[in-house]
Protein backbone atom coordinates (compact mmCIF):
# COMPACT_ATOMS: atom_id res chain seq x y z
CA MET A 1 -17.85 35.95 33.77
CA GLN A 2 -13.52 34.43 35.06
CA GLU A 3 -11.95 33.63 31.90
CA LEU A 4 -10.73 30.03 31.76
CA SER A 5 -6.69 29.70 32.41
CA GLU A 6 -4.71 28.24 29.70
CA PHE A 7 -4.25 24.87 31.76
CA ASP A 8 -7.75 24.80 32.35
CA TYR A 9 -9.04 25.10 28.78
CA SER A 10 -6.89 22.39 27.77
CA THR A 11 -8.50 20.29 30.29
CA LEU A 12 -11.86 20.88 29.23
CA LEU A 13 -10.61 20.44 25.61
CA ALA A 14 -9.40 17.06 26.56
CA SER A 15 -12.22 15.98 28.61
CA SER A 16 -14.88 16.97 25.80
CA ILE A 17 -12.67 15.00 23.56
CA HIS A 18 -12.92 11.57 25.84
CA GLU A 19 -16.52 12.10 25.96
CA VAL A 20 -17.17 12.75 22.49
CA LYS A 21 -15.18 9.73 21.70
CA ASN A 22 -17.07 7.93 23.98
CA SER A 23 -20.64 9.03 22.47
CA LEU A 24 -19.16 8.04 18.92
CA ASN A 25 -17.90 4.83 19.87
CA MET A 26 -21.39 4.14 21.30
CA LEU A 27 -22.73 5.13 17.76
CA LEU A 28 -20.59 2.67 15.83
CA ASN A 29 -21.45 0.29 17.90
CA THR A 30 -25.22 0.37 17.35
CA ILE A 31 -24.33 0.69 13.61
CA ASP A 32 -22.31 -2.60 13.76
CA ASN A 33 -25.63 -4.26 15.40
CA VAL A 34 -28.25 -2.97 12.24
CA SER A 35 -26.08 -3.71 9.83
CA GLY A 36 -25.88 -7.14 11.33
CA SER A 37 -29.77 -7.40 11.33
CA CYS A 38 -29.84 -6.32 7.70
CA ASP A 39 -30.40 -9.61 5.67
CA ASN A 40 -29.70 -9.79 1.78
CA HIS A 41 -32.53 -7.94 0.57
CA HIS A 42 -31.49 -4.64 2.56
CA CYS A 43 -28.14 -5.22 0.89
CA GLY A 44 -28.10 -1.35 -0.13
CA THR A 45 -28.87 -0.11 3.65
CA ARG A 46 -25.95 -2.46 4.70
CA GLU A 47 -23.69 -0.55 2.08
CA SER A 48 -24.70 2.60 3.53
CA LEU A 49 -23.93 1.59 7.31
CA SER A 50 -20.95 0.60 5.93
CA TYR A 51 -20.00 4.13 4.68
CA ILE A 52 -21.23 5.39 7.10
CA LYS A 53 -19.43 3.41 9.53
CA TYR A 54 -16.20 4.08 8.09
CA GLU A 55 -16.43 7.88 8.42
CA GLY A 56 -17.38 7.47 11.85
CA THR A 57 -14.25 5.64 12.40
CA ARG A 58 -12.32 8.22 10.43
CA ILE A 59 -13.72 10.89 13.06
CA SER A 60 -13.27 8.82 16.07
CA ASP A 61 -9.38 8.00 15.09
CA ASP A 62 -8.68 11.84 14.93
CA LEU A 63 -10.77 12.08 18.26
CA ILE A 64 -8.22 9.97 20.03
CA GLU A 65 -5.28 10.83 18.44
CA LEU A 66 -5.58 14.55 19.17
CA LEU A 67 -6.43 13.30 23.52
CA ALA A 68 -3.28 11.11 23.03
CA ILE A 69 -1.53 13.70 21.29
CA TYR A 70 -2.79 15.88 24.09
CA ARG A 71 -1.77 13.79 27.25
CA ILE A 72 1.66 12.39 25.59
CA ARG A 73 2.40 16.31 24.92
CA ASN A 74 1.54 16.78 29.19
CA ASN A 75 3.38 13.98 30.63
CA GLN A 76 -0.17 12.47 31.26
CA TYR A 77 0.11 9.20 29.10
CA MET A 78 1.42 6.16 30.99
CA VAL A 79 3.07 4.43 28.09
CA ASN A 80 2.03 0.66 28.41
CA ILE A 81 4.77 -1.48 26.66
CA ASP A 82 4.08 -5.13 26.93
CA GLU A 83 4.75 -8.42 25.20
CA HIS A 84 2.29 -8.91 22.50
CA SER A 85 1.78 -11.79 19.31
CA VAL A 86 2.09 -9.46 16.58
CA SER A 87 -0.13 -12.03 14.39
CA ALA A 88 -2.77 -12.14 17.01
CA PHE A 89 -2.29 -8.12 17.24
CA LEU A 90 -2.60 -7.66 13.45
CA ASN A 91 -5.01 -9.90 12.52
CA GLU A 92 -7.70 -8.06 15.45
CA ILE A 93 -6.91 -5.39 13.56
CA LEU A 94 -8.03 -6.84 9.90
CA MET A 95 -11.25 -7.99 11.92
CA GLN A 96 -12.10 -4.65 13.04
CA HIS A 97 -12.07 -3.26 9.41
CA GLU A 98 -13.90 -6.35 7.94
CA THR A 99 -16.91 -4.82 7.66
CA THR A 100 -15.45 -1.89 5.49
CA PHE A 101 -12.94 -4.04 3.44
CA ARG A 102 -16.33 -5.82 1.86
CA TYR A 103 -17.91 -2.78 1.19
CA ARG A 104 -15.39 -1.75 -1.25
CA ASN A 105 -14.38 -5.24 -2.23
CA ILE A 106 -10.85 -5.08 -0.79
CA GLN A 107 -9.05 -7.92 -0.67
CA GLN A 108 -6.91 -8.02 2.23
CA SER A 109 -3.46 -10.64 3.21
CA LEU A 110 -1.23 -11.14 5.89
CA ASP A 111 1.48 -12.38 5.92
CA CYS A 112 3.50 -12.60 9.67
CA SER A 113 4.95 -15.86 11.83
CA ASP A 114 2.44 -17.07 14.27
CA ASP A 115 5.40 -16.99 16.70
CA LEU A 116 6.72 -13.26 15.99
CA ILE A 117 6.76 -11.68 19.81
CA TRP A 118 7.36 -7.95 20.32
CA TYR A 119 6.43 -5.28 23.05
CA PHE A 120 4.81 -2.39 21.98
CA ASP A 121 1.94 -0.21 23.50
CA ARG A 122 -1.08 -2.15 21.89
CA ASP A 123 -3.35 0.76 22.35
CA LEU A 124 -1.37 3.70 21.11
CA LEU A 125 0.09 1.20 17.88
CA SER A 126 -3.53 0.22 17.17
CA VAL A 127 -4.54 3.84 16.44
CA VAL A 128 -1.30 4.13 14.03
CA MET A 129 -3.13 1.07 12.03
CA SER A 130 -6.20 2.36 12.21
CA ASN A 131 -5.53 5.44 10.72
CA VAL A 132 -3.28 3.50 7.74
CA ILE A 133 -5.63 1.44 6.73
CA ASN A 134 -8.46 3.75 7.07
CA ASN A 135 -6.28 6.32 4.46
CA LEU A 136 -5.69 3.34 2.10
CA TYR A 137 -9.18 2.34 2.53
CA LYS A 138 -9.63 5.62 0.78
CA TYR A 139 -7.31 5.30 -2.15
CA THR A 140 -6.63 1.67 -2.85
CA ARG A 141 -7.96 0.34 -5.73
CA ASP A 142 -8.54 -3.15 -4.41
CA ARG A 143 -5.69 -4.23 -2.31
CA LEU A 144 -4.36 -4.24 0.85
CA GLU A 145 -1.44 -5.88 2.31
CA ILE A 146 -0.08 -6.16 5.78
CA SER A 147 3.66 -7.72 6.35
CA ALA A 148 5.31 -8.39 10.14
CA ASP A 149 8.87 -9.80 10.59
CA GLN A 150 12.54 -8.50 12.36
CA SER A 151 14.43 -6.63 10.81
CA GLY A 152 17.63 -6.32 12.52
CA ASP A 153 16.86 -4.70 15.90
CA TYR A 154 13.27 -3.55 15.28
CA LEU A 155 9.93 -4.84 14.42
CA LEU A 156 8.83 -3.94 10.98
CA ILE A 157 5.55 -4.07 10.11
CA GLN A 158 4.66 -2.93 6.21
CA ILE A 159 1.26 -1.93 5.19
CA ARG A 160 1.09 -1.68 1.19
CA ASP A 161 -1.93 -1.16 -1.21
CA ASN A 162 -2.45 -0.87 -5.00
CA GLY A 163 -3.29 2.98 -5.05
CA GLU A 164 -1.75 5.79 -6.48
CA GLY A 165 1.27 6.06 -4.13
CA TYR A 166 1.83 8.86 -1.40
CA PRO A 167 2.58 12.63 -2.95
CA ASP A 168 5.89 13.86 -3.12
CA TRP A 169 5.64 15.42 0.55
CA MET A 170 4.87 12.46 2.37
CA LEU A 171 7.83 10.65 1.17
CA SER A 172 10.53 13.02 2.32
CA PRO A 173 12.43 12.10 4.88
CA GLU A 174 13.14 15.56 6.29
CA THR A 175 9.65 16.38 6.97
CA THR A 176 9.73 17.85 10.17
CA GLN A 177 6.36 16.96 13.14
CA LYS A 178 5.70 20.79 12.65
CA GLN A 179 5.38 20.17 8.52
CA ALA A 180 3.29 17.06 8.69
CA LEU A 181 0.57 19.53 10.27
CA ARG A 182 0.55 21.39 6.82
CA THR A 183 -3.01 22.82 6.53
CA ASP A 184 -2.41 23.73 2.99
CA MET A 185 -3.14 20.17 2.07
CA ALA A 186 -6.19 17.87 1.10
CA GLY A 187 -5.68 16.44 4.85
CA THR A 188 -4.05 18.20 8.17
CA GLY A 189 -1.33 15.38 8.45
CA LEU A 190 -2.49 14.42 11.68
CA GLY A 191 -2.17 11.01 11.24
CA LEU A 192 1.11 11.34 9.96
CA TYR A 193 2.25 13.70 12.77
CA PHE A 194 0.38 10.81 15.53
CA SER A 195 1.81 7.64 13.84
CA ARG A 196 5.65 9.44 14.35
CA LEU A 197 5.08 10.71 17.73
CA VAL A 198 4.10 6.80 19.00
CA CYS A 199 6.60 5.16 17.34
CA GLY A 200 9.63 7.53 18.66
CA ILE A 201 8.44 7.10 22.10
CA HIS A 202 9.12 3.16 21.49
CA LYS A 203 12.57 2.98 22.71
CA ASN A 204 15.02 0.30 23.64
CA LYS A 205 19.14 0.19 24.05
CA GLY A 206 19.82 3.90 22.29
CA ARG A 207 17.29 3.37 20.00
CA GLU A 208 13.94 4.84 19.06
CA GLY A 209 11.05 3.62 16.57
CA TYR A 210 10.27 5.44 13.68
CA ILE A 211 8.02 5.77 10.34
CA THR A 212 8.90 5.80 6.71
CA THR A 213 6.51 5.93 3.54
CA THR A 214 7.36 4.95 -0.13
CA ASN A 215 5.81 4.31 -3.02
CA ASP A 216 6.86 0.57 -3.02
CA GLY A 217 4.12 -0.98 -2.29
CA ILE A 218 2.18 -3.42 -4.95
CA GLU A 219 2.19 -1.97 -8.16
CA GLY A 220 3.57 1.45 -7.48
CA GLY A 221 1.26 1.85 -4.99
CA GLY A 222 1.68 3.35 -1.08
CA CYS A 223 3.89 1.70 1.39
CA PHE A 224 3.65 2.24 5.04
CA SER A 225 6.65 1.01 7.00
CA ILE A 226 6.87 1.30 11.03
CA TYR A 227 10.09 0.45 12.62
CA LEU A 228 10.10 -0.70 16.53
CA PRO A 229 12.95 -1.26 18.45
């Protein structure tokens, strides 16, 4: 049997990721429907479904990130920069995670003016936000705060938690894209790599987006900052 070329294999892999992602999304929608039909007498079942959805969402985000990275690196992704209400965008993100927040009894808040408008790729930024929130969901004790405002020539979105904070290797501004993908850590660093890639393709008047990670969150917890020009 003739071996697949590197190009054919990459295309096949990208197509497979897309198919698995679609099937996983159907499964997550089914979990939502089943969870919504559970009454208070089946709260244990609802909590179990919430945890399954959380893990499924993490898998889905990883697949979306891999597919987007492949397309961006192969010049197959058309960046869709458009005007959006930042407040509406962030409220939608929080609503998508409402079930898992409830399962962990995590209090969340949003500080953003309804008048704040910015230009960004909504689909890509949604995945970045989802990845950050899913990570904080795992490590925060019980609080999550999101704020957004204009900072100079940038839109600044910050996600804070009251967990133990980021490890040292994630706090270094010199960490390169390849170092972000270190496999000797508890995680692969895929989300960090993807976030930097997405913010970096947002460009305006010679400036490009970037992220920072600090431990200036709630009570010394983590603070993930997104800067978009």
